[in-house]
Amino acid sequence: MSTMSYGFHYDRGQKVGYDISFGSVRLSFVSSKDKARIIKEIKSSGYSKDEITIERRED
């Protein structure tokens, strides 16, 4: 079972976030709420889907 609070997704009591890397930039522990918006902005600035790495993290 999962819930969402303050933009972060919780799965079995673990806070879930995402690390997003593109070019030489790394965004650490991005909330579920902001992930899609950030990826859309990265793509609009000229990066392709293959240049963006997304890793799920639990805290």
PDB file of N, CA and C in Angstrom:
ATOM      1  N   MET A   1       0.848  -1.179   0.000  1.00  0.00           N
ATOM      2  CA  MET A   1       0.000   0.000   0.000  1.00  0.00           C
ATOM      3  C   MET A   1       0.886   1.231   0.000  1.00  0.00           C
ATOM      4  N   SER A   2       0.479   2.248  -0.712  1.00  0.00           N
ATOM      5  CA  SER A   2       1.278   3.460  -0.777  1.00  0.00           C
ATOM      6  C   SER A   2       0.407   4.686  -0.577  1.00  0.00           C
ATOM      7  N   THR A   3       1.017   5.743  -0.072  1.00  0.00           N
ATOM      8  CA  THR A   3       0.322   7.010   0.124  1.00  0.00           C
ATOM      9  C   THR A   3       1.222   8.127  -0.367  1.00  0.00           C
ATOM     10  N   MET A   4       0.681   9.353  -0.410  1.00  0.00           N
ATOM     11  CA  MET A   4       1.479  10.489  -0.839  1.00  0.00           C
ATOM     12  C   MET A   4       1.314  11.614   0.164  1.00  0.00           C
ATOM     13  N   SER A   5       2.418  12.253   0.538  1.00  0.00           N
ATOM     14  CA  SER A   5       2.387  13.348   1.486  1.00  0.00           C
ATOM     15  C   SER A   5       3.437  14.377   1.092  1.00  0.00           C
ATOM     16  N   TYR A   6       3.047  15.625   0.981  1.00  0.00           N
ATOM     17  CA  TYR A   6       3.954  16.718   0.621  1.00  0.00           C
ATOM     18  C   TYR A   6       4.710  16.439  -0.671  1.00  0.00           C
ATOM     19  N   GLY A   7       4.071  15.746  -1.606  1.00  0.00           N
ATOM     20  CA  GLY A   7       4.691  15.488  -2.894  1.00  0.00           C
ATOM     21  C   GLY A   7       5.557  14.256  -2.921  1.00  0.00           C
ATOM     22  N   PHE A   8       5.850  13.669  -1.754  1.00  0.00           N
ATOM     23  CA  PHE A   8       6.644  12.452  -1.718  1.00  0.00           C
ATOM     24  C   PHE A   8       5.729  11.258  -1.592  1.00  0.00           C
ATOM     25  N   HIS A   9       6.094  10.219  -2.258  1.00  0.00           N
ATOM     26  CA  HIS A   9       5.340   8.974  -2.268  1.00  0.00           C
ATOM     27  C   HIS A   9       5.878   8.098  -1.146  1.00  0.00           C
ATOM     28  N   TYR A  10       5.005   7.461  -0.405  1.00  0.00           N
ATOM     29  CA  TYR A  10       5.423   6.541   0.658  1.00  0.00           C
ATOM     30  C   TYR A  10       4.967   5.144   0.298  1.00  0.00           C
ATOM     31  N   ASP A  11       5.886   4.202   0.313  1.00  0.00           N
ATOM     32  CA  ASP A  11       5.593   2.813  -0.010  1.00  0.00           C
ATOM     33  C   ASP A  11       6.031   1.951   1.163  1.00  0.00           C
ATOM     34  N   ARG A  12       5.086   1.309   1.826  1.00  0.00           N
ATOM     35  CA  ARG A  12       5.343   0.482   3.013  1.00  0.00           C
ATOM     36  C   ARG A  12       6.137   1.239   4.072  1.00  0.00           C
ATOM     37  N   GLY A  13       5.799   2.499   4.271  1.00  0.00           N
ATOM     38  CA  GLY A  13       6.444   3.314   5.289  1.00  0.00           C
ATOM     39  C   GLY A  13       7.752   3.943   4.869  1.00  0.00           C
ATOM     40  N   GLN A  14       8.239   3.648   3.675  1.00  0.00           N
ATOM     41  CA  GLN A  14       9.488   4.212   3.179  1.00  0.00           C
ATOM     42  C   GLN A  14       9.199   5.415   2.290  1.00  0.00           C
ATOM     43  N   LYS A  15       9.898   6.505   2.521  1.00  0.00           N
ATOM     44  CA  LYS A  15       9.762   7.701   1.685  1.00  0.00           C
ATOM     45  C   LYS A  15      10.466   7.430   0.353  1.00  0.00           C
ATOM     46  N   VAL A  16       9.742   7.625  -0.740  1.00  0.00           N
ATOM     47  CA  VAL A  16      10.273   7.334  -2.073  1.00  0.00           C
ATOM     48  C   VAL A  16      10.549   8.642  -2.806  1.00  0.00           C
ATOM     49  N   GLY A  17      11.741   8.758  -3.351  1.00  0.00           N
ATOM     50  CA  GLY A  17      12.125   9.909  -4.157  1.00  0.00           C
ATOM     51  C   GLY A  17      12.908   9.425  -5.364  1.00  0.00           C
ATOM     52  N   TYR A  18      13.355  10.344  -6.183  1.00  0.00           N
ATOM     53  CA  TYR A  18      14.053   9.976  -7.411  1.00  0.00           C
ATOM     54  C   TYR A  18      15.297  10.844  -7.588  1.00  0.00           C
ATOM     55  N   ASP A  19      16.389  10.200  -8.002  1.00  0.00           N
ATOM     56  CA  ASP A  19      17.595  10.914  -8.414  1.00  0.00           C
ATOM     57  C   ASP A  19      17.526  11.038  -9.926  1.00  0.00           C
ATOM     58  N   ILE A  20      17.678  12.254 -10.427  1.00  0.00           N
ATOM     59  CA  ILE A  20      17.611  12.505 -11.867  1.00  0.00           C
ATOM     60  C   ILE A  20      18.944  13.085 -12.308  1.00  0.00           C
ATOM     61  N   SER A  21      19.570  12.457 -13.303  1.00  0.00           N
ATOM     62  CA  SER A  21      20.854  12.916 -13.832  1.00  0.00           C
ATOM     63  C   SER A  21      20.722  13.215 -15.316  1.00  0.00           C
ATOM     64  N   PHE A  22      21.345  14.297 -15.744  1.00  0.00           N
ATOM     65  CA  PHE A  22      21.409  14.638 -17.165  1.00  0.00           C
ATOM     66  C   PHE A  22      22.619  15.526 -17.366  1.00  0.00           C
ATOM     67  N   GLY A  23      23.376  15.250 -18.427  1.00  0.00           N
ATOM     68  CA  GLY A  23      24.614  15.991 -18.635  1.00  0.00           C
ATOM     69  C   GLY A  23      25.510  15.841 -17.416  1.00  0.00           C
ATOM     70  N   SER A  24      25.966  16.952 -16.857  1.00  0.00           N
ATOM     71  CA  SER A  24      26.796  16.908 -15.644  1.00  0.00           C
ATOM     72  C   SER A  24      25.996  17.298 -14.408  1.00  0.00           C
ATOM     73  N   VAL A  25      24.678  17.330 -14.535  1.00  0.00           N
ATOM     74  CA  VAL A  25      23.797  17.755 -13.436  1.00  0.00           C
ATOM     75  C   VAL A  25      23.145  16.534 -12.790  1.00  0.00           C
ATOM     76  N   ARG A  26      23.082  16.548 -11.456  1.00  0.00           N
ATOM     77  CA  ARG A  26      22.391  15.483 -10.714  1.00  0.00           C
ATOM     78  C   ARG A  26      21.462  16.135  -9.698  1.00  0.00           C
ATOM     79  N   LEU A  27      20.175  15.826  -9.806  1.00  0.00           N
ATOM     80  CA  LEU A  27      19.183  16.299  -8.844  1.00  0.00           C
ATOM     81  C   LEU A  27      18.899  15.132  -7.909  1.00  0.00           C
ATOM     82  N   SER A  28      19.038  15.360  -6.619  1.00  0.00           N
ATOM     83  CA  SER A  28      18.944  14.277  -5.656  1.00  0.00           C
ATOM     84  C   SER A  28      17.626  14.308  -4.899  1.00  0.00           C
ATOM     85  N   PHE A  29      16.987  13.166  -4.796  1.00  0.00           N
ATOM     86  CA  PHE A  29      15.768  12.923  -4.043  1.00  0.00           C
ATOM     87  C   PHE A  29      14.633  13.881  -4.413  1.00  0.00           C
ATOM     88  N   VAL A  30      14.288  13.881  -5.698  1.00  0.00           N
ATOM     89  CA  VAL A  30      13.187  14.687  -6.224  1.00  0.00           C
ATOM     90  C   VAL A  30      11.875  14.000  -5.849  1.00  0.00           C
ATOM     91  N   SER A  31      10.880  14.768  -5.462  1.00  0.00           N
ATOM     92  CA  SER A  31       9.597  14.186  -5.080  1.00  0.00           C
ATOM     93  C   SER A  31       8.852  13.638  -6.294  1.00  0.00           C
ATOM     94  N   SER A  32       7.937  12.731  -6.037  1.00  0.00           N
ATOM     95  CA  SER A  32       7.105  12.156  -7.096  1.00  0.00           C
ATOM     96  C   SER A  32       6.312  13.254  -7.797  1.00  0.00           C
ATOM     97  N   LYS A  33       5.875  14.219  -7.026  1.00  0.00           N
ATOM     98  CA  LYS A  33       5.060  15.319  -7.550  1.00  0.00           C
ATOM     99  C   LYS A  33       5.833  16.152  -8.573  1.00  0.00           C
ATOM    100  N   ASP A  34       7.123  16.361  -8.339  1.00  0.00           N
ATOM    101  CA  ASP A  34       7.924  17.223  -9.212  1.00  0.00           C
ATOM    102  C   ASP A  34       8.634  16.486 -10.339  1.00  0.00           C
ATOM    103  N   LYS A  35       8.715  15.164 -10.261  1.00  0.00           N
ATOM    104  CA  LYS A  35       9.500  14.383 -11.225  1.00  0.00           C
ATOM    105  C   LYS A  35       9.068  14.628 -12.667  1.00  0.00           C
ATOM    106  N   ALA A  36       7.804  14.497 -12.977  1.00  0.00           N
ATOM    107  CA  ALA A  36       7.325  14.650 -14.357  1.00  0.00           C
ATOM    108  C   ALA A  36       7.574  16.062 -14.887  1.00  0.00           C
ATOM    109  N   ARG A  37       7.333  17.060 -14.051  1.00  0.00           N
ATOM    110  CA  ARG A  37       7.541  18.452 -14.471  1.00  0.00           C
ATOM    111  C   ARG A  37       9.015  18.710 -14.773  1.00  0.00           C
ATOM    112  N   ILE A  38       9.897  18.200 -13.937  1.00  0.00           N
ATOM    113  CA  ILE A  38      11.329  18.408 -14.134  1.00  0.00           C
ATOM    114  C   ILE A  38      11.807  17.707 -15.396  1.00  0.00           C
ATOM    115  N   ILE A  39      11.357  16.482 -15.620  1.00  0.00           N
ATOM    116  CA  ILE A  39      11.758  15.747 -16.830  1.00  0.00           C
ATOM    117  C   ILE A  39      11.281  16.467 -18.080  1.00  0.00           C
ATOM    118  N   LYS A  40      10.065  16.997 -18.048  1.00  0.00           N
ATOM    119  CA  LYS A  40       9.535  17.747 -19.193  1.00  0.00           C
ATOM    120  C   LYS A  40      10.398  18.979 -19.473  1.00  0.00           C
ATOM    121  N   GLU A  41      10.820  19.682 -18.426  1.00  0.00           N
ATOM    122  CA  GLU A  41      11.680  20.858 -18.600  1.00  0.00           C
ATOM    123  C   GLU A  41      13.048  20.477 -19.142  1.00  0.00           C
ATOM    124  N   ILE A  42      13.608  19.357 -18.677  1.00  0.00           N
ATOM    125  CA  ILE A  42      14.907  18.897 -19.174  1.00  0.00           C
ATOM    126  C   ILE A  42      14.809  18.575 -20.663  1.00  0.00           C
ATOM    127  N   LYS A  43      13.758  17.856 -21.069  1.00  0.00           N
ATOM    128  CA  LYS A  43      13.571  17.516 -22.486  1.00  0.00           C
ATOM    129  C   LYS A  43      13.393  18.763 -23.338  1.00  0.00           C
ATOM    130  N   SER A  44      12.667  19.759 -22.819  1.00  0.00           N
ATOM    131  CA  SER A  44      12.441  20.976 -23.601  1.00  0.00           C
ATOM    132  C   SER A  44      13.714  21.801 -23.765  1.00  0.00           C
ATOM    133  N   SER A  45      14.703  21.560 -22.909  1.00  0.00           N
ATOM    134  CA  SER A  45      15.963  22.290 -23.042  1.00  0.00           C
ATOM    135  C   SER A  45      16.936  21.586 -23.978  1.00  0.00           C
ATOM    136  N   GLY A  46      16.497  20.473 -24.616  1.00  0.00           N
ATOM    137  CA  GLY A  46      17.311  19.867 -25.658  1.00  0.00           C
ATOM    138  C   GLY A  46      17.896  18.503 -25.335  1.00  0.00           C
ATOM    139  N   TYR A  47      17.691  17.983 -24.153  1.00  0.00           N
ATOM    140  CA  TYR A  47      18.208  16.656 -23.813  1.00  0.00           C
ATOM    141  C   TYR A  47      17.233  15.599 -24.303  1.00  0.00           C
ATOM    142  N   SER A  48      17.786  14.489 -24.804  1.00  0.00           N
ATOM    143  CA  SER A  48      16.920  13.390 -25.251  1.00  0.00           C
ATOM    144  C   SER A  48      16.625  12.461 -24.074  1.00  0.00           C
ATOM    145  N   LYS A  49      15.646  11.603 -24.269  1.00  0.00           N
ATOM    146  CA  LYS A  49      15.251  10.651 -23.225  1.00  0.00           C
ATOM    147  C   LYS A  49      16.423   9.744 -22.828  1.00  0.00           C
ATOM    148  N   ASP A  50      17.277   9.409 -23.799  1.00  0.00           N
ATOM    149  CA  ASP A  50      18.429   8.543 -23.536  1.00  0.00           C
ATOM    150  C   ASP A  50      19.496   9.217 -22.681  1.00  0.00           C
ATOM    151  N   GLU A  51      19.501  10.538 -22.634  1.00  0.00           N
ATOM    152  CA  GLU A  51      20.506  11.276 -21.862  1.00  0.00           C
ATOM    153  C   GLU A  51      20.077  11.530 -20.420  1.00  0.00           C
ATOM    154  N   ILE A  52      18.856  11.153 -20.069  1.00  0.00           N
ATOM    155  CA  ILE A  52      18.316  11.383 -18.725  1.00  0.00           C
ATOM    156  C   ILE A  52      18.267  10.057 -17.980  1.00  0.00           C
ATOM    157  N   THR A  53      18.862  10.026 -16.787  1.00  0.00           N
ATOM    158  CA  THR A  53      18.853   8.826 -15.961  1.00  0.00           C
ATOM    159  C   THR A  53      18.007   9.089 -14.728  1.00  0.00           C
ATOM    160  N   ILE A  54      17.083   8.163 -14.431  1.00  0.00           N
ATOM    161  CA  ILE A  54      16.206   8.288 -13.277  1.00  0.00           C
ATOM    162  C   ILE A  54      16.376   7.051 -12.397  1.00  0.00           C
ATOM    163  N   GLU A  55      16.694   7.260 -11.128  1.00  0.00           N
ATOM    164  CA  GLU A  55      16.853   6.162 -10.186  1.00  0.00           C
ATOM    165  C   GLU A  55      15.912   6.375  -9.017  1.00  0.00           C
ATOM    166  N   ARG A  56      15.158   5.348  -8.682  1.00  0.00           N
ATOM    167  CA  ARG A  56      14.236   5.412  -7.531  1.00  0.00           C
ATOM    168  C   ARG A  56      15.043   5.192  -6.254  1.00  0.00           C
ATOM    169  N   ARG A  57      14.731   6.009  -5.229  1.00  0.00           N
ATOM    170  CA  ARG A  57      15.388   5.878  -3.922  1.00  0.00           C
ATOM    171  C   ARG A  57      14.343   5.780  -2.834  1.00  0.00           C
ATOM    172  N   GLU A  58      14.648   5.008  -1.824  1.00  0.00           N
ATOM    173  CA  GLU A  58      13.798   4.926  -0.642  1.00  0.00           C
ATOM    174  C   GLU A  58      14.598   5.387   0.546  1.00  0.00           C
ATOM    175  N   ASP A  59      13.947   6.140   1.402  1.00  0.00           N
ATOM    176  CA  ASP A  59      14.627   6.680   2.575  1.00  0.00           C
ATOM    177  C   ASP A  59      13.925   6.190   3.824  1.00  0.00           C
TER     178      ASP A  59
END
